[in-house]
Amino acid sequence: MTIHRETPEPQPSRPGMTPKLRTPRRRAVLGAGAILIALGAGLAGGYAIAQRAEGALTPIPPVAVSSLAPSAGVSVKGKVAEIYGDKFVLQDETGRALIETGPEWRMTPLVSKDEMVSVQGRFENGSLHARLLTRADGKQEIVGGRPPRGPMAWARERIEPVGLDPAQAQAIIAKAGYTDVRIVGRGPRHYEIAAKDRDGRETELHLGFDGDIRERRVF
């Protein structure tokens, strides 16, 4: 077996000038710079995705905690009573609800004790899985989701040009026979929709940017 070893070629030199060679240290510096550029691009891409998702969500009026029922899109408002890592308990005049902000790799809580917040998301199995957090000053934050898989993950799941605006998406779902249509999320190539089917059952749909309804789940 032949082993090929790369050796730096000497550069033409002028009198009194020492040839510059690419050293391992220089390669390491260049590699680190490339990583930082990729990381910055990934963060910028993720921030842009979050901004677009926030703007697409349908505002949902909050309901009393005591009236929460399985739903793909519901909202509650109250005071933060307790905090458990990436989860917290929200309390209003009617009761308490466990809010999961996820993902589990989040190291610092999103809220403070006694803070007043509104939370919009999916309610099932006794917990509200938050998607949108609104603070008392009106500032909103997209929450939930999955942990990052590397600085270039956003590029592998590239954001395709959006062929549907939120109003068009809602119209497509309504034309298919659904009512109470709410956009509750936005993925790289689809809208996440909550709606009532013809029998009045709460339903979760994925509407592709090509106009096709791709998934359906009844609560």
N, C-alpha and C. Protein backbone atom coordinates (compact mmCIF):
# COMPACT_ATOMS: atom_id res chain seq x y z
N MET A 1 0.86 -1.19 0.00
CA MET A 1 0.00 0.00 0.00
C MET A 1 0.89 1.24 0.00
N THR A 2 0.51 2.18 -0.86
CA THR A 2 1.28 3.42 -0.95
C THR A 2 0.62 4.50 -0.11
N ILE A 3 1.37 5.16 0.72
CA ILE A 3 0.87 6.25 1.54
C ILE A 3 1.34 7.55 0.93
N HIS A 4 0.37 8.40 0.58
CA HIS A 4 0.70 9.70 0.01
C HIS A 4 0.71 10.73 1.11
N ARG A 5 1.75 11.39 1.27
CA ARG A 5 1.86 12.44 2.28
C ARG A 5 1.98 13.79 1.58
N GLU A 6 1.15 14.70 2.02
CA GLU A 6 1.18 16.02 1.43
C GLU A 6 2.31 16.83 2.07
N THR A 7 3.19 17.35 1.24
CA THR A 7 4.27 18.20 1.75
C THR A 7 4.13 19.57 1.12
N PRO A 8 4.32 20.61 1.90
CA PRO A 8 4.18 21.97 1.35
C PRO A 8 5.27 22.26 0.33
N GLU A 9 4.86 22.90 -0.77
CA GLU A 9 5.82 23.27 -1.80
C GLU A 9 6.42 24.62 -1.46
N PRO A 10 7.73 24.74 -1.57
CA PRO A 10 8.35 26.04 -1.27
C PRO A 10 7.91 27.10 -2.27
N GLN A 11 7.67 28.30 -1.78
CA GLN A 11 7.26 29.43 -2.61
C GLN A 11 8.52 30.12 -3.17
N PRO A 12 8.39 30.65 -4.37
CA PRO A 12 9.53 31.42 -4.91
C PRO A 12 9.86 32.56 -3.97
N SER A 13 11.12 32.73 -3.71
CA SER A 13 11.51 33.75 -2.74
C SER A 13 12.37 34.82 -3.39
N ARG A 14 12.30 35.98 -2.77
CA ARG A 14 13.16 37.07 -3.19
C ARG A 14 14.35 37.11 -2.26
N PRO A 15 15.40 37.80 -2.66
CA PRO A 15 16.56 37.90 -1.76
C PRO A 15 16.16 38.48 -0.41
N GLY A 16 16.57 37.81 0.63
CA GLY A 16 16.28 38.27 1.99
C GLY A 16 14.87 37.97 2.45
N MET A 17 14.12 37.12 1.71
CA MET A 17 12.73 36.83 2.04
C MET A 17 12.59 35.34 2.32
N THR A 18 11.95 35.00 3.43
CA THR A 18 11.76 33.59 3.80
C THR A 18 10.45 33.09 3.23
N PRO A 19 10.44 31.95 2.51
CA PRO A 19 9.19 31.43 1.95
C PRO A 19 8.17 31.18 3.05
N LYS A 20 6.88 31.52 2.77
CA LYS A 20 5.80 31.28 3.73
C LYS A 20 5.14 29.95 3.40
N LEU A 21 5.02 29.10 4.39
CA LEU A 21 4.40 27.80 4.21
C LEU A 21 3.10 27.75 4.99
N ARG A 22 2.17 26.93 4.49
CA ARG A 22 0.92 26.72 5.24
C ARG A 22 1.20 25.76 6.38
N THR A 23 1.17 26.24 7.56
CA THR A 23 1.45 25.42 8.73
C THR A 23 0.17 24.87 9.31
N PRO A 24 0.26 23.79 10.10
CA PRO A 24 -0.94 23.26 10.75
C PRO A 24 -1.67 24.31 11.57
N ARG A 25 -0.90 25.22 12.22
CA ARG A 25 -1.54 26.24 13.04
C ARG A 25 -2.38 27.16 12.18
N ARG A 26 -1.86 27.52 11.02
CA ARG A 26 -2.60 28.41 10.14
C ARG A 26 -3.86 27.73 9.63
N ARG A 27 -3.72 26.42 9.31
CA ARG A 27 -4.90 25.68 8.87
C ARG A 27 -5.96 25.65 9.97
N ALA A 28 -5.53 25.48 11.21
CA ALA A 28 -6.46 25.43 12.34
C ALA A 28 -7.20 26.75 12.49
N VAL A 29 -6.46 27.86 12.30
CA VAL A 29 -7.09 29.18 12.40
C VAL A 29 -8.13 29.36 11.31
N LEU A 30 -7.76 28.95 10.08
CA LEU A 30 -8.70 29.06 8.97
C LEU A 30 -9.93 28.20 9.19
N GLY A 31 -9.70 26.98 9.72
CA GLY A 31 -10.83 26.09 10.00
C GLY A 31 -11.75 26.65 11.05
N ALA A 32 -11.18 27.23 12.09
CA ALA A 32 -12.00 27.83 13.15
C ALA A 32 -12.83 28.98 12.60
N GLY A 33 -12.23 29.77 11.71
CA GLY A 33 -12.97 30.88 11.12
C GLY A 33 -14.15 30.39 10.30
N ALA A 34 -13.95 29.29 9.56
CA ALA A 34 -15.05 28.74 8.76
C ALA A 34 -16.18 28.25 9.64
N ILE A 35 -15.83 27.64 10.78
CA ILE A 35 -16.84 27.15 11.71
C ILE A 35 -17.65 28.30 12.27
N LEU A 36 -16.97 29.40 12.64
CA LEU A 36 -17.67 30.55 13.20
C LEU A 36 -18.61 31.17 12.18
N ILE A 37 -18.18 31.23 10.92
CA ILE A 37 -19.03 31.77 9.87
C ILE A 37 -20.27 30.90 9.69
N ALA A 38 -20.07 29.57 9.68
CA ALA A 38 -21.20 28.65 9.53
C ALA A 38 -22.16 28.76 10.70
N LEU A 39 -21.59 28.87 11.92
CA LEU A 39 -22.43 28.99 13.10
C LEU A 39 -23.26 30.27 13.06
N GLY A 40 -22.62 31.37 12.66
CA GLY A 40 -23.34 32.63 12.57
C GLY A 40 -24.46 32.56 11.55
N ALA A 41 -24.19 31.92 10.41
CA ALA A 41 -25.23 31.78 9.39
C ALA A 41 -26.37 30.93 9.91
N GLY A 42 -26.04 29.86 10.65
CA GLY A 42 -27.08 29.00 11.20
C GLY A 42 -27.95 29.74 12.18
N LEU A 43 -27.35 30.54 13.06
CA LEU A 43 -28.13 31.30 14.03
C LEU A 43 -29.01 32.33 13.34
N ALA A 44 -28.45 32.98 12.32
CA ALA A 44 -29.24 33.97 11.59
C ALA A 44 -30.41 33.31 10.88
N GLY A 45 -30.16 32.12 10.29
CA GLY A 45 -31.23 31.40 9.62
C GLY A 45 -32.31 31.00 10.60
N GLY A 46 -31.91 30.50 11.79
CA GLY A 46 -32.87 30.10 12.81
C GLY A 46 -33.69 31.27 13.29
N TYR A 47 -33.05 32.45 13.46
CA TYR A 47 -33.77 33.65 13.91
C TYR A 47 -34.80 34.08 12.87
N ALA A 48 -34.42 34.01 11.60
CA ALA A 48 -35.35 34.39 10.54
C ALA A 48 -36.54 33.44 10.50
N ILE A 49 -36.29 32.13 10.70
CA ILE A 49 -37.38 31.16 10.73
C ILE A 49 -38.34 31.49 11.85
N ALA A 50 -37.80 31.78 13.04
CA ALA A 50 -38.65 32.09 14.19
C ALA A 50 -39.50 33.32 13.93
N GLN A 51 -38.91 34.35 13.30
CA GLN A 51 -39.67 35.57 13.00
C GLN A 51 -40.82 35.27 12.07
N ARG A 52 -40.58 34.45 11.02
CA ARG A 52 -41.65 34.13 10.08
C ARG A 52 -42.73 33.31 10.75
N ALA A 53 -42.33 32.37 11.64
CA ALA A 53 -43.32 31.55 12.34
C ALA A 53 -44.20 32.40 13.23
N GLU A 54 -43.59 33.35 13.95
CA GLU A 54 -44.33 34.20 14.87
C GLU A 54 -45.37 35.03 14.12
N GLY A 55 -44.98 35.55 12.96
CA GLY A 55 -45.89 36.39 12.19
C GLY A 55 -47.04 35.61 11.58
N ALA A 56 -46.89 34.29 11.42
CA ALA A 56 -47.93 33.50 10.77
C ALA A 56 -48.98 32.98 11.73
N LEU A 57 -48.70 32.95 13.03
CA LEU A 57 -49.61 32.34 13.98
C LEU A 57 -50.90 33.14 14.13
N THR A 58 -52.00 32.42 14.25
CA THR A 58 -53.29 33.05 14.48
C THR A 58 -53.45 33.38 15.96
N PRO A 59 -53.70 34.63 16.33
CA PRO A 59 -53.93 34.94 17.75
C PRO A 59 -55.16 34.20 18.26
N ILE A 60 -55.02 33.51 19.38
CA ILE A 60 -56.13 32.74 19.96
C ILE A 60 -56.51 33.37 21.30
N PRO A 61 -57.76 33.79 21.47
CA PRO A 61 -58.18 34.37 22.75
C PRO A 61 -58.00 33.35 23.88
N PRO A 62 -57.49 33.78 25.02
CA PRO A 62 -57.27 32.84 26.13
C PRO A 62 -58.59 32.34 26.71
N VAL A 63 -58.56 31.10 27.21
CA VAL A 63 -59.70 30.50 27.88
C VAL A 63 -59.32 30.26 29.34
N ALA A 64 -60.31 29.98 30.17
CA ALA A 64 -60.03 29.66 31.57
C ALA A 64 -59.29 28.33 31.67
N VAL A 65 -58.37 28.24 32.60
CA VAL A 65 -57.60 27.01 32.78
C VAL A 65 -58.53 25.82 33.04
N SER A 66 -59.58 26.05 33.79
CA SER A 66 -60.50 24.96 34.13
C SER A 66 -61.24 24.40 32.92
N SER A 67 -61.28 25.15 31.82
CA SER A 67 -62.01 24.70 30.63
C SER A 67 -61.10 24.08 29.57
N LEU A 68 -59.82 23.92 29.89
CA LEU A 68 -58.90 23.33 28.91
C LEU A 68 -59.34 21.92 28.52
N ALA A 69 -59.29 21.66 27.22
CA ALA A 69 -59.62 20.34 26.67
C ALA A 69 -58.62 20.03 25.57
N PRO A 70 -58.42 18.74 25.22
CA PRO A 70 -57.46 18.41 24.16
C PRO A 70 -57.69 19.24 22.91
N SER A 71 -56.62 19.89 22.45
CA SER A 71 -56.74 20.80 21.31
C SER A 71 -55.38 21.00 20.67
N ALA A 72 -55.39 21.22 19.35
CA ALA A 72 -54.15 21.51 18.63
C ALA A 72 -53.75 22.97 18.76
N GLY A 73 -54.70 23.81 19.19
CA GLY A 73 -54.39 25.23 19.33
C GLY A 73 -55.29 25.90 20.34
N VAL A 74 -54.74 26.26 21.50
CA VAL A 74 -55.51 26.89 22.56
C VAL A 74 -54.60 27.85 23.31
N SER A 75 -55.19 28.79 24.05
CA SER A 75 -54.39 29.78 24.76
C SER A 75 -54.94 29.98 26.16
N VAL A 76 -54.03 30.21 27.12
CA VAL A 76 -54.41 30.54 28.50
C VAL A 76 -53.56 31.72 28.97
N LYS A 77 -54.07 32.39 30.02
CA LYS A 77 -53.36 33.55 30.55
C LYS A 77 -53.40 33.49 32.06
N GLY A 78 -52.25 33.81 32.70
CA GLY A 78 -52.22 33.79 34.15
C GLY A 78 -50.84 34.10 34.70
N LYS A 79 -50.67 33.77 35.97
CA LYS A 79 -49.42 34.07 36.67
C LYS A 79 -48.59 32.81 36.80
N VAL A 80 -47.26 32.95 36.68
CA VAL A 80 -46.35 31.82 36.86
C VAL A 80 -46.27 31.50 38.35
N ALA A 81 -46.79 30.32 38.73
CA ALA A 81 -46.84 29.95 40.15
C ALA A 81 -45.61 29.16 40.57
N GLU A 82 -45.13 28.26 39.70
CA GLU A 82 -43.97 27.43 40.03
C GLU A 82 -43.17 27.18 38.76
N ILE A 83 -41.88 26.91 38.91
CA ILE A 83 -41.00 26.66 37.76
C ILE A 83 -40.23 25.36 38.01
N TYR A 84 -40.22 24.47 37.01
CA TYR A 84 -39.48 23.21 37.09
C TYR A 84 -38.65 23.05 35.82
N GLY A 85 -37.49 23.68 35.78
CA GLY A 85 -36.63 23.57 34.60
C GLY A 85 -37.30 24.18 33.38
N ASP A 86 -37.57 23.34 32.35
CA ASP A 86 -38.20 23.85 31.13
C ASP A 86 -39.73 23.81 31.22
N LYS A 87 -40.26 23.54 32.39
CA LYS A 87 -41.71 23.53 32.61
C LYS A 87 -42.07 24.54 33.69
N PHE A 88 -43.32 25.02 33.66
CA PHE A 88 -43.79 25.86 34.75
C PHE A 88 -45.29 25.69 34.91
N VAL A 89 -45.78 26.09 36.07
CA VAL A 89 -47.21 26.02 36.37
C VAL A 89 -47.81 27.41 36.23
N LEU A 90 -48.83 27.52 35.40
CA LEU A 90 -49.55 28.77 35.21
C LEU A 90 -50.86 28.70 35.98
N GLN A 91 -51.17 29.77 36.69
CA GLN A 91 -52.37 29.81 37.52
C GLN A 91 -53.25 30.99 37.16
N ASP A 92 -54.55 30.73 37.01
CA ASP A 92 -55.51 31.82 36.89
C ASP A 92 -56.57 31.66 37.98
N GLU A 93 -57.67 32.37 37.87
CA GLU A 93 -58.69 32.34 38.92
C GLU A 93 -59.40 31.00 39.02
N THR A 94 -59.28 30.16 37.96
CA THR A 94 -60.04 28.91 37.93
C THR A 94 -59.20 27.66 38.21
N GLY A 95 -57.89 27.77 38.18
CA GLY A 95 -57.07 26.59 38.41
C GLY A 95 -55.65 26.75 37.93
N ARG A 96 -54.95 25.61 37.84
CA ARG A 96 -53.55 25.60 37.43
C ARG A 96 -53.35 24.68 36.23
N ALA A 97 -52.36 25.02 35.40
CA ALA A 97 -52.03 24.20 34.23
C ALA A 97 -50.52 24.06 34.13
N LEU A 98 -50.07 22.86 33.78
CA LEU A 98 -48.65 22.61 33.56
C LEU A 98 -48.29 23.03 32.14
N ILE A 99 -47.30 23.93 32.01
CA ILE A 99 -46.87 24.43 30.71
C ILE A 99 -45.50 23.82 30.39
N GLU A 100 -45.38 23.19 29.25
CA GLU A 100 -44.11 22.64 28.80
C GLU A 100 -43.57 23.54 27.69
N THR A 101 -42.43 24.18 27.97
CA THR A 101 -41.86 25.09 26.98
C THR A 101 -40.86 24.38 26.08
N GLY A 102 -40.23 23.30 26.58
CA GLY A 102 -39.32 22.50 25.79
C GLY A 102 -38.37 23.34 24.94
N PRO A 103 -37.43 22.73 24.29
CA PRO A 103 -37.05 21.33 24.50
C PRO A 103 -36.26 21.12 25.79
N GLU A 104 -36.05 19.87 26.16
CA GLU A 104 -35.46 19.56 27.45
C GLU A 104 -34.03 20.06 27.59
N TRP A 105 -33.36 20.34 26.46
CA TRP A 105 -31.97 20.80 26.55
C TRP A 105 -31.88 22.27 26.96
N ARG A 106 -33.04 22.95 27.06
CA ARG A 106 -33.00 24.35 27.48
C ARG A 106 -32.50 24.42 28.92
N MET A 107 -31.48 25.20 29.18
CA MET A 107 -30.82 25.23 30.48
C MET A 107 -31.42 26.27 31.43
N THR A 108 -31.98 27.34 30.91
CA THR A 108 -32.50 28.40 31.78
C THR A 108 -34.00 28.57 31.55
N PRO A 109 -34.76 28.83 32.61
CA PRO A 109 -36.21 29.03 32.47
C PRO A 109 -36.52 30.25 31.61
N LEU A 110 -37.63 30.18 30.91
CA LEU A 110 -38.05 31.30 30.06
C LEU A 110 -38.81 32.36 30.86
N VAL A 111 -39.32 31.98 32.02
CA VAL A 111 -40.18 32.88 32.78
C VAL A 111 -39.66 33.03 34.20
N SER A 112 -40.22 34.01 34.92
CA SER A 112 -39.87 34.23 36.32
C SER A 112 -41.12 34.00 37.18
N LYS A 113 -40.89 33.62 38.42
CA LYS A 113 -42.01 33.38 39.32
C LYS A 113 -42.84 34.66 39.49
N ASP A 114 -44.15 34.50 39.48
CA ASP A 114 -45.14 35.57 39.62
C ASP A 114 -45.27 36.44 38.37
N GLU A 115 -44.56 36.09 37.29
CA GLU A 115 -44.69 36.84 36.04
C GLU A 115 -46.04 36.53 35.39
N MET A 116 -46.66 37.54 34.80
CA MET A 116 -47.92 37.37 34.08
C MET A 116 -47.62 37.09 32.61
N VAL A 117 -48.15 35.99 32.09
CA VAL A 117 -47.89 35.61 30.70
C VAL A 117 -49.14 35.01 30.08
N SER A 118 -49.15 35.03 28.76
CA SER A 118 -50.14 34.27 27.98
C SER A 118 -49.38 33.20 27.22
N VAL A 119 -49.96 32.01 27.13
CA VAL A 119 -49.29 30.89 26.47
C VAL A 119 -50.25 30.27 25.46
N GLN A 120 -49.77 30.11 24.26
CA GLN A 120 -50.55 29.50 23.18
C GLN A 120 -49.84 28.24 22.72
N GLY A 121 -50.60 27.16 22.54
CA GLY A 121 -49.98 25.92 22.11
C GLY A 121 -50.96 24.77 22.02
N ARG A 122 -50.44 23.56 22.13
CA ARG A 122 -51.23 22.33 22.00
C ARG A 122 -51.48 21.73 23.38
N PHE A 123 -52.73 21.44 23.69
CA PHE A 123 -53.05 20.85 24.99
C PHE A 123 -53.46 19.39 24.82
N GLU A 124 -52.71 18.52 25.49
CA GLU A 124 -53.05 17.10 25.49
C GLU A 124 -52.34 16.42 26.66
N ASN A 125 -52.92 15.33 27.12
CA ASN A 125 -52.37 14.55 28.23
C ASN A 125 -52.11 15.40 29.48
N GLY A 126 -52.97 16.40 29.69
CA GLY A 126 -52.88 17.20 30.90
C GLY A 126 -51.85 18.31 30.88
N SER A 127 -51.17 18.53 29.75
CA SER A 127 -50.15 19.57 29.67
C SER A 127 -50.38 20.45 28.44
N LEU A 128 -50.01 21.72 28.59
CA LEU A 128 -50.05 22.63 27.45
C LEU A 128 -48.64 22.75 26.89
N HIS A 129 -48.45 22.25 25.67
CA HIS A 129 -47.14 22.30 25.01
C HIS A 129 -47.05 23.65 24.29
N ALA A 130 -46.31 24.56 24.88
CA ALA A 130 -46.30 25.95 24.42
C ALA A 130 -45.65 26.10 23.05
N ARG A 131 -46.21 27.00 22.26
CA ARG A 131 -45.62 27.36 20.98
C ARG A 131 -45.32 28.86 20.92
N LEU A 132 -46.17 29.64 21.60
CA LEU A 132 -46.00 31.09 21.60
C LEU A 132 -46.20 31.61 23.02
N LEU A 133 -45.21 32.36 23.50
CA LEU A 133 -45.25 32.95 24.83
C LEU A 133 -45.36 34.47 24.69
N THR A 134 -46.36 35.06 25.33
CA THR A 134 -46.55 36.52 25.28
C THR A 134 -46.42 37.07 26.69
N ARG A 135 -45.53 38.04 26.86
CA ARG A 135 -45.29 38.63 28.18
C ARG A 135 -46.21 39.81 28.41
N ALA A 136 -46.19 40.34 29.64
CA ALA A 136 -47.09 41.42 30.02
C ALA A 136 -46.87 42.67 29.17
N ASP A 137 -45.64 42.89 28.69
CA ASP A 137 -45.35 44.07 27.87
C ASP A 137 -45.67 43.86 26.39
N GLY A 138 -46.24 42.70 26.07
CA GLY A 138 -46.62 42.41 24.69
C GLY A 138 -45.56 41.71 23.88
N LYS A 139 -44.35 41.55 24.42
CA LYS A 139 -43.28 40.87 23.70
C LYS A 139 -43.60 39.40 23.54
N GLN A 140 -43.41 38.89 22.32
CA GLN A 140 -43.73 37.50 22.03
C GLN A 140 -42.47 36.70 21.72
N GLU A 141 -42.53 35.42 22.02
CA GLU A 141 -41.38 34.55 21.79
C GLU A 141 -41.86 33.17 21.36
N ILE A 142 -41.31 32.68 20.26
CA ILE A 142 -41.59 31.32 19.80
C ILE A 142 -40.84 30.35 20.70
N VAL A 143 -41.52 29.34 21.21
CA VAL A 143 -40.88 28.36 22.08
C VAL A 143 -41.19 26.96 21.56
N GLY A 144 -40.65 25.95 22.29
CA GLY A 144 -40.85 24.57 21.87
C GLY A 144 -39.89 24.21 20.76
N GLY A 145 -40.17 23.11 20.07
CA GLY A 145 -39.31 22.66 18.98
C GLY A 145 -38.33 21.62 19.43
N ARG A 146 -37.40 21.26 18.53
CA ARG A 146 -36.44 20.21 18.80
C ARG A 146 -35.06 20.80 18.96
N PRO A 147 -34.14 20.06 19.58
CA PRO A 147 -32.79 20.59 19.76
C PRO A 147 -32.06 20.73 18.44
N PRO A 148 -31.14 21.67 18.34
CA PRO A 148 -30.40 21.86 17.09
C PRO A 148 -29.51 20.66 16.80
N ARG A 149 -29.29 20.39 15.51
CA ARG A 149 -28.48 19.25 15.11
C ARG A 149 -27.17 19.69 14.45
N GLY A 150 -26.76 20.89 14.72
CA GLY A 150 -25.52 21.39 14.13
C GLY A 150 -25.74 22.75 13.51
N PRO A 151 -24.67 23.52 13.32
CA PRO A 151 -24.81 24.89 12.83
C PRO A 151 -25.40 24.99 11.44
N MET A 152 -25.30 23.92 10.65
CA MET A 152 -25.82 24.00 9.29
C MET A 152 -27.13 23.23 9.12
N ALA A 153 -27.78 22.86 10.26
CA ALA A 153 -29.04 22.12 10.16
C ALA A 153 -30.09 22.91 9.41
N TRP A 154 -30.09 24.25 9.59
CA TRP A 154 -31.08 25.08 8.90
C TRP A 154 -30.91 24.99 7.39
N ALA A 155 -29.69 24.75 6.92
CA ALA A 155 -29.46 24.67 5.49
C ALA A 155 -29.98 23.34 4.93
N ARG A 156 -29.85 22.27 5.72
CA ARG A 156 -30.36 20.98 5.27
C ARG A 156 -31.87 20.98 5.21
N GLU A 157 -32.52 21.77 6.07
CA GLU A 157 -33.95 21.92 6.03
C GLU A 157 -34.25 23.33 5.52
N ARG A 158 -33.83 23.59 4.32
CA ARG A 158 -33.88 24.95 3.80
C ARG A 158 -35.32 25.45 3.73
N ILE A 159 -35.46 26.75 3.94
CA ILE A 159 -36.76 27.37 3.83
C ILE A 159 -37.07 27.63 2.36
N GLU A 160 -38.10 26.95 1.86
CA GLU A 160 -38.48 27.16 0.48
C GLU A 160 -39.31 28.44 0.36
N PRO A 161 -39.33 29.04 -0.81
CA PRO A 161 -40.16 30.22 -0.98
C PRO A 161 -41.62 29.91 -0.61
N VAL A 162 -42.21 30.76 0.19
CA VAL A 162 -43.57 30.50 0.65
C VAL A 162 -44.56 30.84 -0.45
N GLY A 163 -45.28 29.83 -0.93
CA GLY A 163 -46.26 30.06 -1.96
C GLY A 163 -47.62 30.43 -1.41
N LEU A 164 -47.80 30.32 -0.08
CA LEU A 164 -49.07 30.62 0.56
C LEU A 164 -48.86 31.59 1.70
N ASP A 165 -49.68 32.63 1.75
CA ASP A 165 -49.65 33.46 2.95
C ASP A 165 -50.66 32.89 3.94
N PRO A 166 -50.66 33.34 5.20
CA PRO A 166 -51.57 32.76 6.19
C PRO A 166 -53.04 32.80 5.78
N ALA A 167 -53.47 33.90 5.15
CA ALA A 167 -54.88 34.01 4.75
C ALA A 167 -55.23 32.95 3.70
N GLN A 168 -54.32 32.73 2.75
CA GLN A 168 -54.56 31.71 1.73
C GLN A 168 -54.60 30.32 2.35
N ALA A 169 -53.71 30.09 3.32
CA ALA A 169 -53.68 28.79 3.99
C ALA A 169 -55.00 28.52 4.70
N GLN A 170 -55.51 29.52 5.41
CA GLN A 170 -56.78 29.35 6.11
C GLN A 170 -57.92 29.11 5.13
N ALA A 171 -57.88 29.79 3.99
CA ALA A 171 -58.94 29.62 2.99
C ALA A 171 -58.94 28.21 2.43
N ILE A 172 -57.77 27.63 2.20
CA ILE A 172 -57.69 26.27 1.67
C ILE A 172 -58.29 25.27 2.65
N ILE A 173 -57.96 25.44 3.94
CA ILE A 173 -58.48 24.53 4.95
C ILE A 173 -60.00 24.69 5.07
N ALA A 174 -60.48 25.93 5.04
CA ALA A 174 -61.92 26.17 5.13
C ALA A 174 -62.66 25.55 3.94
N LYS A 175 -62.07 25.66 2.76
CA LYS A 175 -62.70 25.09 1.56
C LYS A 175 -62.78 23.57 1.65
N ALA A 176 -61.86 22.97 2.40
CA ALA A 176 -61.88 21.51 2.57
C ALA A 176 -62.94 21.05 3.56
N GLY A 177 -63.67 22.00 4.15
CA GLY A 177 -64.77 21.65 5.03
C GLY A 177 -64.51 21.83 6.51
N TYR A 178 -63.39 22.45 6.86
CA TYR A 178 -63.06 22.66 8.27
C TYR A 178 -63.49 24.06 8.72
N THR A 179 -63.75 24.19 10.02
CA THR A 179 -64.12 25.48 10.60
C THR A 179 -63.19 25.80 11.75
N ASP A 180 -63.32 27.02 12.29
CA ASP A 180 -62.48 27.48 13.40
C ASP A 180 -61.00 27.23 13.09
N VAL A 181 -60.57 27.70 11.93
CA VAL A 181 -59.22 27.43 11.43
C VAL A 181 -58.21 28.34 12.11
N ARG A 182 -57.17 27.74 12.71
CA ARG A 182 -56.11 28.50 13.39
C ARG A 182 -54.76 28.00 12.92
N ILE A 183 -53.88 28.93 12.52
CA ILE A 183 -52.50 28.56 12.22
C ILE A 183 -51.74 28.57 13.53
N VAL A 184 -51.21 27.41 13.90
CA VAL A 184 -50.55 27.28 15.20
C VAL A 184 -49.05 27.07 15.10
N GLY A 185 -48.53 26.99 13.88
CA GLY A 185 -47.09 26.80 13.72
C GLY A 185 -46.71 26.85 12.26
N ARG A 186 -45.39 26.93 12.04
CA ARG A 186 -44.87 26.97 10.67
C ARG A 186 -43.59 26.19 10.62
N GLY A 187 -43.52 25.21 9.72
CA GLY A 187 -42.31 24.44 9.53
C GLY A 187 -41.56 24.91 8.31
N PRO A 188 -40.48 24.20 7.94
CA PRO A 188 -39.71 24.62 6.76
C PRO A 188 -40.52 24.63 5.47
N ARG A 189 -41.50 23.71 5.37
CA ARG A 189 -42.25 23.61 4.12
C ARG A 189 -43.75 23.42 4.35
N HIS A 190 -44.25 23.81 5.52
CA HIS A 190 -45.66 23.60 5.78
C HIS A 190 -46.16 24.53 6.89
N TYR A 191 -47.48 24.70 6.93
CA TYR A 191 -48.14 25.33 8.06
C TYR A 191 -48.73 24.24 8.95
N GLU A 192 -48.73 24.47 10.26
CA GLU A 192 -49.42 23.59 11.19
C GLU A 192 -50.75 24.25 11.53
N ILE A 193 -51.83 23.50 11.36
CA ILE A 193 -53.17 24.05 11.46
C ILE A 193 -53.98 23.32 12.52
N ALA A 194 -54.74 24.08 13.30
CA ALA A 194 -55.76 23.52 14.18
C ALA A 194 -57.11 23.93 13.63
N ALA A 195 -58.07 22.99 13.62
CA ALA A 195 -59.39 23.30 13.07
C ALA A 195 -60.40 22.27 13.58
N LYS A 196 -61.67 22.56 13.33
CA LYS A 196 -62.75 21.63 13.64
C LYS A 196 -63.17 20.94 12.34
N ASP A 197 -63.32 19.61 12.39
CA ASP A 197 -63.76 18.90 11.19
C ASP A 197 -65.28 18.98 11.06
N ARG A 198 -65.83 18.28 10.08
CA ARG A 198 -67.27 18.38 9.81
C ARG A 198 -68.11 17.89 10.99
N ASP A 199 -67.53 17.04 11.81
CA ASP A 199 -68.25 16.53 12.99
C ASP A 199 -67.97 17.35 14.24
N GLY A 200 -67.25 18.46 14.09
CA GLY A 200 -66.97 19.32 15.22
C GLY A 200 -65.82 18.86 16.09
N ARG A 201 -65.03 17.88 15.62
CA ARG A 201 -63.91 17.38 16.40
C ARG A 201 -62.66 18.22 16.17
N GLU A 202 -61.90 18.43 17.24
CA GLU A 202 -60.65 19.18 17.14
C GLU A 202 -59.64 18.37 16.34
N THR A 203 -59.02 19.01 15.35
CA THR A 203 -58.15 18.31 14.40
C THR A 203 -56.87 19.09 14.18
N GLU A 204 -55.77 18.36 14.00
CA GLU A 204 -54.49 18.96 13.66
C GLU A 204 -54.13 18.58 12.23
N LEU A 205 -53.75 19.57 11.44
CA LEU A 205 -53.42 19.35 10.03
C LEU A 205 -52.06 19.95 9.71
N HIS A 206 -51.40 19.40 8.72
CA HIS A 206 -50.21 20.00 8.13
C HIS A 206 -50.54 20.37 6.70
N LEU A 207 -50.46 21.64 6.40
CA LEU A 207 -50.74 22.12 5.05
C LEU A 207 -49.44 22.49 4.37
N GLY A 208 -49.07 21.73 3.33
CA GLY A 208 -47.85 22.02 2.60
C GLY A 208 -47.96 23.32 1.82
N PHE A 209 -46.82 23.94 1.56
CA PHE A 209 -46.82 25.17 0.77
C PHE A 209 -47.28 24.92 -0.66
N ASP A 210 -47.38 23.65 -1.06
CA ASP A 210 -47.91 23.32 -2.38
C ASP A 210 -49.44 23.24 -2.36
N GLY A 211 -50.05 23.45 -1.19
CA GLY A 211 -51.50 23.46 -1.08
C GLY A 211 -52.12 22.14 -0.68
N ASP A 212 -51.31 21.11 -0.47
CA ASP A 212 -51.83 19.81 -0.10
C ASP A 212 -51.90 19.65 1.41
N ILE A 213 -52.97 19.04 1.89
CA ILE A 213 -53.11 18.70 3.31
C ILE A 213 -52.41 17.37 3.51
N ARG A 214 -51.31 17.40 4.26
CA ARG A 214 -50.42 16.25 4.31
C ARG A 214 -50.68 15.32 5.49
N GLU A 215 -51.11 15.85 6.61
CA GLU A 215 -51.31 15.00 7.78
C GLU A 215 -52.58 15.41 8.50
N ARG A 216 -53.10 14.48 9.28
CA ARG A 216 -54.31 14.79 10.03
C ARG A 216 -54.32 13.98 11.32
N ARG A 217 -54.67 14.64 12.40
CA ARG A 217 -54.79 13.97 13.69
C ARG A 217 -56.00 14.52 14.41
N VAL A 218 -56.86 13.63 14.91
CA VAL A 218 -58.05 14.03 15.63
C VAL A 218 -57.82 13.87 17.11
N PHE A 219 -58.17 14.89 17.90
CA PHE A 219 -57.99 14.83 19.34
C PHE A 219 -59.19 14.20 20.02
